[in-house]
Amino acid sequence: MRKKWKLVAKISTAIILGGVVIGTCFWLWNLYESRPRPMYELGLLRLGMTPVEVTLAVGKPGVEISPSDKESVRKYVYKSSYGSGEYEYYVKFSNSSNGLGEYVVMICTESYLHKALGIGVYSTEKDIKNILGEPSHISIRKDGLAKIISYKEWNVAYTIEKSNVESTCVSGEGKVEYVDEYTG
């Protein structure tokens, strides 16, 4: 009878130790994945994709904004399928200087499912500054109610309203700014 209890104790100890090792590995992996590093993708999209690669990855855009007088680039907007009014992806293209056509230069999302450097919607500006430090560029919306803080070194930007992240962007230029900025 005593041998049975020793066997049960050994098996229980092995299971507990295995769980601790797996949990520690998972925690370390999350720390590694959230470390500051240059970002080149957000969700299913990555910088440099062509319009066809984007539609193959996430389907037909809900809205396609053609080049205009203000900006000579195409944009795709993908609305969230959850009916929340947020956009899943906002994709901005640019023409390559070497004649290879259009490619993705910026990807933004309001979805809580996609994070950049472990930061996303529901994070705070304080969280961002604790992780990444001071931004390399700040753009304030014309009405003064929101701002975009950009980190050129990491290719990321975050839209902040009332001290909370409203959207997350990855940009090859390293900064994102409002077309109509506050000038006061």
C-alpha atoms as a PDB file:
ATOM      1  CA  MET A   1       0.000   0.000   0.000  1.00  0.00           C
ATOM      2  CA  ARG A   2       2.841   2.333   0.845  1.00  0.00           C
ATOM      3  CA  LYS A   3       4.379   1.848  -2.631  1.00  0.00           C
ATOM      4  CA  LYS A   4       1.118   2.990  -4.247  1.00  0.00           C
ATOM      5  CA  TRP A   5       1.161   6.278  -2.333  1.00  0.00           C
ATOM      6  CA  LYS A   6       4.790   6.868  -3.242  1.00  0.00           C
ATOM      7  CA  LEU A   7       3.890   6.289  -6.896  1.00  0.00           C
ATOM      8  CA  VAL A   8       0.909   8.674  -6.642  1.00  0.00           C
ATOM      9  CA  ALA A   9       3.143  11.307  -4.999  1.00  0.00           C
ATOM     10  CA  LYS A  10       5.795  10.940  -7.718  1.00  0.00           C
ATOM     11  CA  ILE A  11       3.216  11.225 -10.521  1.00  0.00           C
ATOM     12  CA  SER A  12       1.557  14.235  -8.857  1.00  0.00           C
ATOM     13  CA  THR A  13       4.919  15.932  -8.396  1.00  0.00           C
ATOM     14  CA  ALA A  14       5.845  15.276 -12.027  1.00  0.00           C
ATOM     15  CA  ILE A  15       2.525  16.744 -13.253  1.00  0.00           C
ATOM     16  CA  ILE A  16       2.914  19.836 -11.072  1.00  0.00           C
ATOM     17  CA  LEU A  17       6.529  20.375 -12.141  1.00  0.00           C
ATOM     18  CA  GLY A  18       5.540  19.887 -15.790  1.00  0.00           C
ATOM     19  CA  GLY A  19       2.809  22.509 -15.403  1.00  0.00           C
ATOM     20  CA  VAL A  20       5.229  24.955 -13.800  1.00  0.00           C
ATOM     21  CA  VAL A  21       7.780  24.443 -16.596  1.00  0.00           C
ATOM     22  CA  ILE A  22       5.128  24.881 -19.332  1.00  0.00           C
ATOM     23  CA  GLY A  23       3.695  27.975 -17.597  1.00  0.00           C
ATOM     24  CA  THR A  24       7.144  29.518 -17.233  1.00  0.00           C
ATOM     25  CA  CYS A  25       7.936  28.843 -20.895  1.00  0.00           C
ATOM     26  CA  PHE A  26       4.637  30.447 -21.950  1.00  0.00           C
ATOM     27  CA  TRP A  27       5.325  33.515 -19.777  1.00  0.00           C
ATOM     28  CA  LEU A  28       8.870  33.872 -21.165  1.00  0.00           C
ATOM     29  CA  TRP A  29       7.596  33.523 -24.751  1.00  0.00           C
ATOM     30  CA  ASN A  30       5.064  36.334 -24.185  1.00  0.00           C
ATOM     31  CA  LEU A  31       7.817  38.522 -22.748  1.00  0.00           C
ATOM     32  CA  TYR A  32      10.007  37.766 -25.765  1.00  0.00           C
ATOM     33  CA  GLU A  33       7.202  38.500 -28.258  1.00  0.00           C
ATOM     34  CA  SER A  34       6.328  41.805 -26.557  1.00  0.00           C
ATOM     35  CA  ARG A  35       9.887  43.140 -26.518  1.00  0.00           C
ATOM     36  CA  PRO A  36      10.440  46.401 -28.396  1.00  0.00           C
ATOM     37  CA  ARG A  37      11.622  45.690 -31.949  1.00  0.00           C
ATOM     38  CA  PRO A  38      10.829  47.186 -35.358  1.00  0.00           C
ATOM     39  CA  MET A  39       7.372  46.068 -36.494  1.00  0.00           C
ATOM     40  CA  TYR A  40       6.605  45.170 -40.089  1.00  0.00           C
ATOM     41  CA  GLU A  41       3.205  43.496 -39.715  1.00  0.00           C
ATOM     42  CA  LEU A  42      -0.071  43.899 -37.897  1.00  0.00           C
ATOM     43  CA  GLY A  43      -2.520  41.036 -37.744  1.00  0.00           C
ATOM     44  CA  LEU A  44      -2.652  39.306 -41.132  1.00  0.00           C
ATOM     45  CA  LEU A  45      -1.030  42.171 -43.062  1.00  0.00           C
ATOM     46  CA  ARG A  46       2.579  43.274 -43.475  1.00  0.00           C
ATOM     47  CA  LEU A  47       4.312  46.306 -44.919  1.00  0.00           C
ATOM     48  CA  GLY A  48       5.295  45.950 -48.582  1.00  0.00           C
ATOM     49  CA  MET A  49       2.303  43.819 -49.637  1.00  0.00           C
ATOM     50  CA  THR A  50       0.665  44.637 -52.977  1.00  0.00           C
ATOM     51  CA  PRO A  51      -3.074  45.391 -53.223  1.00  0.00           C
ATOM     52  CA  VAL A  52      -3.648  41.865 -54.581  1.00  0.00           C
ATOM     53  CA  GLU A  53      -1.739  40.285 -51.679  1.00  0.00           C
ATOM     54  CA  VAL A  54      -3.865  42.310 -49.257  1.00  0.00           C
ATOM     55  CA  THR A  55      -7.145  41.181 -50.830  1.00  0.00           C
ATOM     56  CA  LEU A  56      -5.917  37.575 -50.890  1.00  0.00           C
ATOM     57  CA  ALA A  57      -5.112  37.825 -47.167  1.00  0.00           C
ATOM     58  CA  VAL A  58      -8.231  39.611 -45.875  1.00  0.00           C
ATOM     59  CA  GLY A  59     -10.700  39.797 -48.779  1.00  0.00           C
ATOM     60  CA  LYS A  60     -12.369  42.641 -50.620  1.00  0.00           C
ATOM     61  CA  PRO A  61     -12.248  45.960 -48.744  1.00  0.00           C
ATOM     62  CA  GLY A  62     -15.497  47.412 -47.432  1.00  0.00           C
ATOM     63  CA  VAL A  63     -14.396  50.793 -48.751  1.00  0.00           C
ATOM     64  CA  GLU A  64     -11.729  51.619 -51.319  1.00  0.00           C
ATOM     65  CA  ILE A  65     -10.579  55.231 -51.282  1.00  0.00           C
ATOM     66  CA  SER A  66      -9.070  56.169 -54.625  1.00  0.00           C
ATOM     67  CA  PRO A  67      -6.270  58.726 -54.982  1.00  0.00           C
ATOM     68  CA  SER A  68      -7.482  62.335 -54.671  1.00  0.00           C
ATOM     69  CA  ASP A  69      -6.145  65.849 -55.001  1.00  0.00           C
ATOM     70  CA  LYS A  70      -5.016  65.881 -51.340  1.00  0.00           C
ATOM     71  CA  GLU A  71      -3.259  62.536 -51.418  1.00  0.00           C
ATOM     72  CA  SER A  72      -2.134  60.529 -54.415  1.00  0.00           C
ATOM     73  CA  VAL A  73      -2.417  57.119 -52.739  1.00  0.00           C
ATOM     74  CA  ARG A  74      -5.016  54.372 -52.550  1.00  0.00           C
ATOM     75  CA  LYS A  75      -6.510  53.257 -49.217  1.00  0.00           C
ATOM     76  CA  TYR A  76      -8.540  50.215 -48.189  1.00  0.00           C
ATOM     77  CA  VAL A  77     -10.858  50.146 -45.186  1.00  0.00           C
ATOM     78  CA  TYR A  78     -12.041  46.858 -43.686  1.00  0.00           C
ATOM     79  CA  LYS A  79     -14.868  47.200 -41.176  1.00  0.00           C
ATOM     80  CA  SER A  80     -15.158  44.850 -38.229  1.00  0.00           C
ATOM     81  CA  SER A  81     -17.559  41.958 -38.779  1.00  0.00           C
ATOM     82  CA  TYR A  82     -18.841  42.318 -35.206  1.00  0.00           C
ATOM     83  CA  GLY A  83     -21.022  45.337 -36.012  1.00  0.00           C
ATOM     84  CA  SER A  84     -19.179  47.560 -33.550  1.00  0.00           C
ATOM     85  CA  GLY A  85     -18.415  50.285 -36.098  1.00  0.00           C
ATOM     86  CA  GLU A  86     -14.663  49.945 -35.597  1.00  0.00           C
ATOM     87  CA  TYR A  87     -12.404  49.183 -38.498  1.00  0.00           C
ATOM     88  CA  GLU A  88     -10.506  45.922 -38.590  1.00  0.00           C
ATOM     89  CA  TYR A  89      -7.868  47.323 -40.926  1.00  0.00           C
ATOM     90  CA  TYR A  90      -7.102  50.652 -42.557  1.00  0.00           C
ATOM     91  CA  VAL A  91      -4.459  50.103 -45.230  1.00  0.00           C
ATOM     92  CA  LYS A  92      -2.568  52.860 -47.042  1.00  0.00           C
ATOM     93  CA  PHE A  93      -0.610  52.192 -50.216  1.00  0.00           C
ATOM     94  CA  SER A  94       2.109  54.131 -51.989  1.00  0.00           C
ATOM     95  CA  ASN A  95       3.651  53.897 -55.448  1.00  0.00           C
ATOM     96  CA  SER A  96       7.164  52.536 -55.554  1.00  0.00           C
ATOM     97  CA  SER A  97       9.830  54.787 -57.005  1.00  0.00           C
ATOM     98  CA  ASN A  98      11.304  51.920 -59.034  1.00  0.00           C
ATOM     99  CA  GLY A  99       8.124  51.297 -61.031  1.00  0.00           C
ATOM    100  CA  LEU A 100       7.113  48.057 -59.308  1.00  0.00           C
ATOM    101  CA  GLY A 101       3.599  49.344 -58.505  1.00  0.00           C
ATOM    102  CA  GLU A 102       1.722  49.969 -55.280  1.00  0.00           C
ATOM    103  CA  TYR A 103       2.652  48.501 -51.921  1.00  0.00           C
ATOM    104  CA  VAL A 104       1.467  48.830 -48.299  1.00  0.00           C
ATOM    105  CA  VAL A 105       3.161  51.626 -46.354  1.00  0.00           C
ATOM    106  CA  MET A 106       0.790  51.793 -43.351  1.00  0.00           C
ATOM    107  CA  ILE A 107      -1.596  49.438 -41.554  1.00  0.00           C
ATOM    108  CA  CYS A 108      -3.886  50.593 -38.745  1.00  0.00           C
ATOM    109  CA  THR A 109      -6.522  48.849 -36.661  1.00  0.00           C
ATOM    110  CA  GLU A 110      -9.056  49.670 -33.953  1.00  0.00           C
ATOM    111  CA  SER A 111      -9.454  45.988 -33.115  1.00  0.00           C
ATOM    112  CA  TYR A 112      -8.433  44.796 -29.675  1.00  0.00           C
ATOM    113  CA  LEU A 113      -7.289  41.546 -31.314  1.00  0.00           C
ATOM    114  CA  HIS A 114      -4.232  43.102 -32.982  1.00  0.00           C
ATOM    115  CA  LYS A 115      -1.389  44.530 -30.928  1.00  0.00           C
ATOM    116  CA  ALA A 116       1.995  45.981 -31.763  1.00  0.00           C
ATOM    117  CA  LEU A 117       4.749  45.385 -29.206  1.00  0.00           C
ATOM    118  CA  GLY A 118       2.180  44.095 -26.732  1.00  0.00           C
ATOM    119  CA  ILE A 119       0.275  47.393 -26.865  1.00  0.00           C
ATOM    120  CA  GLY A 120      -3.167  47.789 -28.376  1.00  0.00           C
ATOM    121  CA  VAL A 121      -6.655  49.112 -27.830  1.00  0.00           C
ATOM    122  CA  TYR A 122      -7.441  49.404 -24.083  1.00  0.00           C
ATOM    123  CA  SER A 123      -3.785  50.158 -23.248  1.00  0.00           C
ATOM    124  CA  THR A 124      -3.036  53.598 -21.846  1.00  0.00           C
ATOM    125  CA  GLU A 125      -0.599  56.275 -22.909  1.00  0.00           C
ATOM    126  CA  LYS A 126       1.242  55.676 -19.636  1.00  0.00           C
ATOM    127  CA  ASP A 127       1.636  51.967 -20.543  1.00  0.00           C
ATOM    128  CA  ILE A 128       3.146  52.952 -23.886  1.00  0.00           C
ATOM    129  CA  LYS A 129       5.614  55.394 -22.370  1.00  0.00           C
ATOM    130  CA  ASN A 130       6.637  52.855 -19.720  1.00  0.00           C
ATOM    131  CA  ILE A 131       7.465  50.335 -22.451  1.00  0.00           C
ATOM    132  CA  LEU A 132       8.741  52.517 -25.322  1.00  0.00           C
ATOM    133  CA  GLY A 133       9.701  55.823 -23.712  1.00  0.00           C
ATOM    134  CA  GLU A 134       8.970  59.231 -25.225  1.00  0.00           C
ATOM    135  CA  PRO A 135       7.572  59.294 -28.796  1.00  0.00           C
ATOM    136  CA  SER A 136       9.670  60.536 -31.697  1.00  0.00           C
ATOM    137  CA  HIS A 137       6.689  62.427 -33.193  1.00  0.00           C
ATOM    138  CA  ILE A 138       3.324  63.705 -31.936  1.00  0.00           C
ATOM    139  CA  SER A 139       0.458  64.817 -34.195  1.00  0.00           C
ATOM    140  CA  ILE A 140      -2.592  66.455 -32.604  1.00  0.00           C
ATOM    141  CA  ARG A 141      -5.948  66.348 -34.379  1.00  0.00           C
ATOM    142  CA  LYS A 142      -7.359  69.722 -35.461  1.00  0.00           C
ATOM    143  CA  ASP A 143     -10.114  69.681 -32.793  1.00  0.00           C
ATOM    144  CA  GLY A 144      -7.536  68.955 -30.059  1.00  0.00           C
ATOM    145  CA  LEU A 145      -9.352  65.853 -28.785  1.00  0.00           C
ATOM    146  CA  ALA A 146      -6.943  63.172 -30.004  1.00  0.00           C
ATOM    147  CA  LYS A 147      -3.296  62.709 -30.842  1.00  0.00           C
ATOM    148  CA  ILE A 148      -1.099  60.206 -32.610  1.00  0.00           C
ATOM    149  CA  ILE A 149       2.176  59.315 -30.948  1.00  0.00           C
ATOM    150  CA  SER A 150       4.756  57.716 -33.246  1.00  0.00           C
ATOM    151  CA  TYR A 151       7.898  55.730 -32.557  1.00  0.00           C
ATOM    152  CA  LYS A 152      10.138  55.810 -35.636  1.00  0.00           C
ATOM    153  CA  GLU A 153      12.606  53.295 -34.183  1.00  0.00           C
ATOM    154  CA  TRP A 154       9.836  50.668 -33.854  1.00  0.00           C
ATOM    155  CA  ASN A 155       7.682  51.621 -36.932  1.00  0.00           C
ATOM    156  CA  VAL A 156       4.609  51.990 -34.695  1.00  0.00           C
ATOM    157  CA  ALA A 157       2.110  54.701 -33.839  1.00  0.00           C
ATOM    158  CA  TYR A 158      -0.855  54.834 -31.486  1.00  0.00           C
ATOM    159  CA  THR A 159      -3.918  57.083 -31.592  1.00  0.00           C
ATOM    160  CA  ILE A 160      -4.673  58.356 -28.091  1.00  0.00           C
ATOM    161  CA  GLU A 161      -8.031  59.736 -26.909  1.00  0.00           C
ATOM    162  CA  LYS A 162      -8.638  60.505 -23.239  1.00  0.00           C
ATOM    163  CA  SER A 163      -5.298  58.847 -22.374  1.00  0.00           C
ATOM    164  CA  ASN A 164      -6.370  55.492 -23.921  1.00  0.00           C
ATOM    165  CA  VAL A 165      -5.246  53.822 -27.139  1.00  0.00           C
ATOM    166  CA  GLU A 166      -7.973  53.979 -29.792  1.00  0.00           C
ATOM    167  CA  SER A 167      -5.996  52.556 -32.700  1.00  0.00           C
ATOM    168  CA  THR A 168      -2.672  50.905 -33.414  1.00  0.00           C
ATOM    169  CA  CYS A 169      -0.611  51.492 -36.574  1.00  0.00           C
ATOM    170  CA  VAL A 170       2.484  50.049 -38.196  1.00  0.00           C
ATOM    171  CA  SER A 171       4.119  52.431 -40.660  1.00  0.00           C
ATOM    172  CA  GLY A 172       7.171  52.048 -42.856  1.00  0.00           C
ATOM    173  CA  GLU A 173       7.781  55.789 -42.535  1.00  0.00           C
ATOM    174  CA  GLY A 174       7.942  55.481 -38.758  1.00  0.00           C
ATOM    175  CA  LYS A 175       5.405  58.217 -38.170  1.00  0.00           C
ATOM    176  CA  VAL A 176       1.700  58.786 -38.682  1.00  0.00           C
ATOM    177  CA  GLU A 177       0.082  62.195 -38.666  1.00  0.00           C
ATOM    178  CA  TYR A 178      -3.301  63.806 -39.176  1.00  0.00           C
ATOM    179  CA  VAL A 179      -3.980  65.457 -42.534  1.00  0.00           C
ATOM    180  CA  ASP A 180      -5.543  68.394 -40.646  1.00  0.00           C
ATOM    181  CA  GLU A 181      -3.404  69.040 -37.588  1.00  0.00           C
ATOM    182  CA  TYR A 182      -3.896  71.380 -34.664  1.00  0.00           C
ATOM    183  CA  THR A 183      -1.852  74.525 -35.250  1.00  0.00           C
ATOM    184  CA  GLY A 184      -2.544  76.500 -32.042  1.00  0.00           C
END
